[in-house]
Amino acid sequence: MIRGRVKGRVWSSKHIETLPNGGLLEVETEGGGTLVAFDPLGCADGEAVLVTQGSVAAGYFTGTKAPVDALIIGSIDEEGG
């Protein structure tokens, strides 16, 4: 799993039909990298998240072959937040 923080949304008015409903978020990882992750949870800008990648991310979607390589699987609870 990758720990990161949501930096913003990625808007796409054109995409393939098998992309499920949900958001695409730009996530800055703890290592300083950036990735785009599919968000089925409805996370907000600035929120700390857990991301999984690869076949595990794509395997989350049953009944369809979703072209998803990074998936937000959790929102990290932070003290004082």
N, C-alpha and C. Protein backbone atom coordinates (compact mmCIF):
# COMPACT_ATOMS: atom_id res chain seq x y z
N MET A 1 0.84 -1.19 0.00
CA MET A 1 0.00 0.00 0.00
C MET A 1 0.88 1.24 0.00
N ILE A 2 0.33 2.29 -0.52
CA ILE A 2 1.02 3.57 -0.62
C ILE A 2 0.24 4.58 0.22
N ARG A 3 0.97 5.33 1.02
CA ARG A 3 0.35 6.39 1.81
C ARG A 3 0.55 7.71 1.07
N GLY A 4 -0.50 8.52 0.99
CA GLY A 4 -0.40 9.79 0.27
C GLY A 4 -1.44 10.78 0.73
N ARG A 5 -1.48 11.92 0.04
CA ARG A 5 -2.42 12.98 0.35
C ARG A 5 -3.02 13.51 -0.94
N VAL A 6 -4.34 13.67 -0.96
CA VAL A 6 -5.04 14.16 -2.14
C VAL A 6 -4.65 15.61 -2.40
N LYS A 7 -4.19 15.86 -3.62
CA LYS A 7 -3.77 17.21 -4.02
C LYS A 7 -4.82 17.90 -4.89
N GLY A 8 -5.70 17.14 -5.50
CA GLY A 8 -6.72 17.75 -6.35
C GLY A 8 -7.41 16.71 -7.22
N ARG A 9 -8.35 17.19 -8.01
CA ARG A 9 -9.13 16.33 -8.89
C ARG A 9 -8.59 16.41 -10.31
N VAL A 10 -8.77 15.31 -11.04
CA VAL A 10 -8.43 15.25 -12.45
C VAL A 10 -9.75 15.11 -13.20
N TRP A 11 -10.02 16.05 -14.10
CA TRP A 11 -11.29 16.05 -14.84
C TRP A 11 -11.08 15.44 -16.20
N SER A 12 -12.01 14.58 -16.60
CA SER A 12 -11.93 13.92 -17.90
C SER A 12 -13.33 13.83 -18.49
N SER A 13 -13.61 14.65 -19.48
CA SER A 13 -14.94 14.62 -20.10
C SER A 13 -15.04 13.49 -21.12
N LYS A 14 -13.91 13.00 -21.59
CA LYS A 14 -13.88 11.89 -22.53
C LYS A 14 -13.08 10.76 -21.90
N HIS A 15 -13.68 9.57 -21.84
CA HIS A 15 -12.98 8.39 -21.32
C HIS A 15 -13.68 7.14 -21.84
N ILE A 16 -13.01 6.01 -21.72
CA ILE A 16 -13.59 4.77 -22.23
C ILE A 16 -14.78 4.35 -21.38
N GLU A 17 -15.68 3.60 -21.98
CA GLU A 17 -16.96 3.24 -21.35
C GLU A 17 -16.81 2.35 -20.12
N THR A 18 -15.74 1.58 -20.03
CA THR A 18 -15.60 0.65 -18.90
C THR A 18 -15.04 1.30 -17.64
N LEU A 19 -14.72 2.59 -17.70
CA LEU A 19 -14.28 3.29 -16.50
C LEU A 19 -15.49 3.48 -15.60
N PRO A 20 -15.46 2.95 -14.37
CA PRO A 20 -16.62 3.04 -13.48
C PRO A 20 -16.89 4.48 -13.05
N ASN A 21 -18.06 4.69 -12.48
CA ASN A 21 -18.38 6.00 -11.92
C ASN A 21 -17.55 6.22 -10.67
N GLY A 22 -17.00 7.40 -10.54
CA GLY A 22 -16.15 7.74 -9.40
C GLY A 22 -15.22 8.85 -9.81
N GLY A 23 -14.41 9.28 -8.88
CA GLY A 23 -13.50 10.39 -9.15
C GLY A 23 -12.09 9.93 -9.48
N LEU A 24 -11.39 10.76 -10.20
CA LEU A 24 -9.96 10.57 -10.43
C LEU A 24 -9.26 11.67 -9.64
N LEU A 25 -8.38 11.27 -8.72
CA LEU A 25 -7.72 12.22 -7.85
C LEU A 25 -6.21 12.18 -8.05
N GLU A 26 -5.59 13.35 -7.98
CA GLU A 26 -4.14 13.44 -7.98
C GLU A 26 -3.68 13.26 -6.54
N VAL A 27 -2.78 12.31 -6.32
CA VAL A 27 -2.32 11.99 -4.97
C VAL A 27 -0.80 12.16 -4.92
N GLU A 28 -0.33 12.92 -3.93
CA GLU A 28 1.10 13.05 -3.69
C GLU A 28 1.49 11.99 -2.67
N THR A 29 2.44 11.14 -3.03
CA THR A 29 2.85 10.05 -2.15
C THR A 29 3.86 10.56 -1.12
N GLU A 30 4.04 9.76 -0.05
CA GLU A 30 5.00 10.13 0.98
C GLU A 30 6.41 10.27 0.42
N GLY A 31 6.71 9.53 -0.62
CA GLY A 31 8.03 9.60 -1.24
C GLY A 31 8.22 10.81 -2.14
N GLY A 32 7.19 11.65 -2.28
CA GLY A 32 7.30 12.85 -3.09
C GLY A 32 6.81 12.69 -4.52
N GLY A 33 6.41 11.49 -4.90
CA GLY A 33 5.89 11.27 -6.24
C GLY A 33 4.42 11.65 -6.33
N THR A 34 3.91 11.65 -7.53
CA THR A 34 2.51 11.96 -7.77
C THR A 34 1.90 10.87 -8.64
N LEU A 35 0.67 10.50 -8.34
CA LEU A 35 -0.05 9.54 -9.17
C LEU A 35 -1.51 9.94 -9.25
N VAL A 36 -2.20 9.37 -10.24
CA VAL A 36 -3.64 9.57 -10.38
C VAL A 36 -4.30 8.28 -9.93
N ALA A 37 -5.22 8.38 -8.98
CA ALA A 37 -5.88 7.21 -8.43
C ALA A 37 -7.39 7.33 -8.56
N PHE A 38 -8.04 6.20 -8.80
CA PHE A 38 -9.50 6.16 -8.84
C PHE A 38 -10.03 6.19 -7.42
N ASP A 39 -11.05 6.99 -7.18
CA ASP A 39 -11.59 7.18 -5.83
C ASP A 39 -13.05 6.78 -5.73
N PRO A 40 -13.35 5.59 -5.19
CA PRO A 40 -14.74 5.19 -4.99
C PRO A 40 -15.32 5.69 -3.66
N LEU A 41 -14.49 6.36 -2.84
CA LEU A 41 -14.91 6.75 -1.49
C LEU A 41 -15.41 8.19 -1.39
N GLY A 42 -15.05 9.04 -2.32
CA GLY A 42 -15.45 10.44 -2.23
C GLY A 42 -14.53 11.26 -1.35
N CYS A 43 -13.23 11.04 -1.45
CA CYS A 43 -12.25 11.75 -0.63
C CYS A 43 -12.13 13.22 -1.04
N ALA A 44 -11.68 14.04 -0.10
CA ALA A 44 -11.59 15.49 -0.31
C ALA A 44 -10.14 15.92 -0.50
N ASP A 45 -9.95 17.10 -1.07
CA ASP A 45 -8.62 17.67 -1.20
C ASP A 45 -7.97 17.76 0.18
N GLY A 46 -6.69 17.42 0.25
CA GLY A 46 -5.95 17.48 1.50
C GLY A 46 -6.08 16.25 2.38
N GLU A 47 -6.96 15.34 2.03
CA GLU A 47 -7.21 14.15 2.84
C GLU A 47 -6.07 13.14 2.69
N ALA A 48 -5.66 12.54 3.81
CA ALA A 48 -4.65 11.49 3.80
C ALA A 48 -5.33 10.18 3.40
N VAL A 49 -4.70 9.45 2.47
CA VAL A 49 -5.32 8.25 1.92
C VAL A 49 -4.33 7.10 1.80
N LEU A 50 -4.88 5.89 1.64
CA LEU A 50 -4.11 4.70 1.31
C LEU A 50 -4.47 4.29 -0.11
N VAL A 51 -3.45 3.96 -0.89
CA VAL A 51 -3.64 3.62 -2.30
C VAL A 51 -3.02 2.25 -2.56
N THR A 52 -3.69 1.45 -3.36
CA THR A 52 -3.10 0.20 -3.84
C THR A 52 -3.00 0.30 -5.36
N GLN A 53 -2.06 -0.45 -5.93
CA GLN A 53 -1.84 -0.37 -7.37
C GLN A 53 -1.83 -1.75 -8.01
N GLY A 54 -1.91 -1.75 -9.32
CA GLY A 54 -1.76 -2.97 -10.11
C GLY A 54 -3.01 -3.83 -10.14
N SER A 55 -2.79 -5.15 -10.20
CA SER A 55 -3.90 -6.09 -10.36
C SER A 55 -4.86 -6.06 -9.17
N VAL A 56 -4.37 -5.73 -7.99
CA VAL A 56 -5.25 -5.62 -6.82
C VAL A 56 -6.25 -4.48 -7.02
N ALA A 57 -5.78 -3.37 -7.56
CA ALA A 57 -6.67 -2.23 -7.82
C ALA A 57 -7.73 -2.60 -8.85
N ALA A 58 -7.32 -3.19 -9.95
CA ALA A 58 -8.26 -3.58 -11.00
C ALA A 58 -9.21 -4.66 -10.52
N GLY A 59 -8.75 -5.56 -9.66
CA GLY A 59 -9.56 -6.67 -9.17
C GLY A 59 -10.68 -6.25 -8.24
N TYR A 60 -10.66 -5.03 -7.76
CA TYR A 60 -11.72 -4.52 -6.88
C TYR A 60 -13.07 -4.51 -7.60
N PHE A 61 -13.05 -4.28 -8.90
CA PHE A 61 -14.27 -4.13 -9.68
C PHE A 61 -14.74 -5.49 -10.18
N THR A 62 -15.90 -5.92 -9.71
CA THR A 62 -16.44 -7.20 -10.14
C THR A 62 -17.43 -6.98 -11.27
N GLY A 63 -17.48 -7.92 -12.18
CA GLY A 63 -18.44 -7.84 -13.27
C GLY A 63 -18.00 -6.98 -14.44
N THR A 64 -16.83 -6.34 -14.34
CA THR A 64 -16.33 -5.51 -15.43
C THR A 64 -14.81 -5.49 -15.38
N LYS A 65 -14.21 -5.24 -16.51
CA LYS A 65 -12.76 -5.08 -16.55
C LYS A 65 -12.46 -3.58 -16.55
N ALA A 66 -12.21 -3.06 -15.37
CA ALA A 66 -11.96 -1.63 -15.23
C ALA A 66 -10.48 -1.32 -15.48
N PRO A 67 -10.20 -0.31 -16.29
CA PRO A 67 -8.82 0.05 -16.59
C PRO A 67 -8.25 0.94 -15.47
N VAL A 68 -8.17 0.39 -14.28
CA VAL A 68 -7.72 1.15 -13.10
C VAL A 68 -6.42 0.54 -12.60
N ASP A 69 -5.38 1.37 -12.46
CA ASP A 69 -4.09 0.90 -12.00
C ASP A 69 -3.76 1.39 -10.59
N ALA A 70 -4.49 2.39 -10.10
CA ALA A 70 -4.29 2.90 -8.74
C ALA A 70 -5.67 3.17 -8.14
N LEU A 71 -5.89 2.65 -6.93
CA LEU A 71 -7.21 2.73 -6.30
C LEU A 71 -7.07 3.20 -4.85
N ILE A 72 -7.83 4.21 -4.48
CA ILE A 72 -7.86 4.65 -3.09
C ILE A 72 -8.71 3.66 -2.32
N ILE A 73 -8.11 3.01 -1.31
CA ILE A 73 -8.81 1.97 -0.56
C ILE A 73 -9.13 2.40 0.87
N GLY A 74 -8.64 3.56 1.29
CA GLY A 74 -8.94 4.00 2.64
C GLY A 74 -8.60 5.46 2.85
N SER A 75 -9.30 6.05 3.79
CA SER A 75 -9.03 7.42 4.24
C SER A 75 -8.41 7.30 5.63
N ILE A 76 -7.28 7.94 5.83
CA ILE A 76 -6.55 7.83 7.09
C ILE A 76 -7.10 8.86 8.08
N ASP A 77 -7.54 8.37 9.23
CA ASP A 77 -8.00 9.28 10.29
C ASP A 77 -6.79 9.94 10.94
N GLU A 78 -6.85 11.26 11.05
CA GLU A 78 -5.75 12.00 11.64
C GLU A 78 -6.23 12.70 12.91
N GLU A 79 -5.40 12.70 13.95
CA GLU A 79 -5.76 13.39 15.18
C GLU A 79 -5.81 14.90 14.93
N GLY A 80 -6.80 15.52 15.54
CA GLY A 80 -6.93 16.98 15.43
C GLY A 80 -7.49 17.43 14.11
N GLY A 81 -7.94 16.49 13.27
CA GLY A 81 -8.43 16.86 11.94
C GLY A 81 -9.89 16.90 11.82
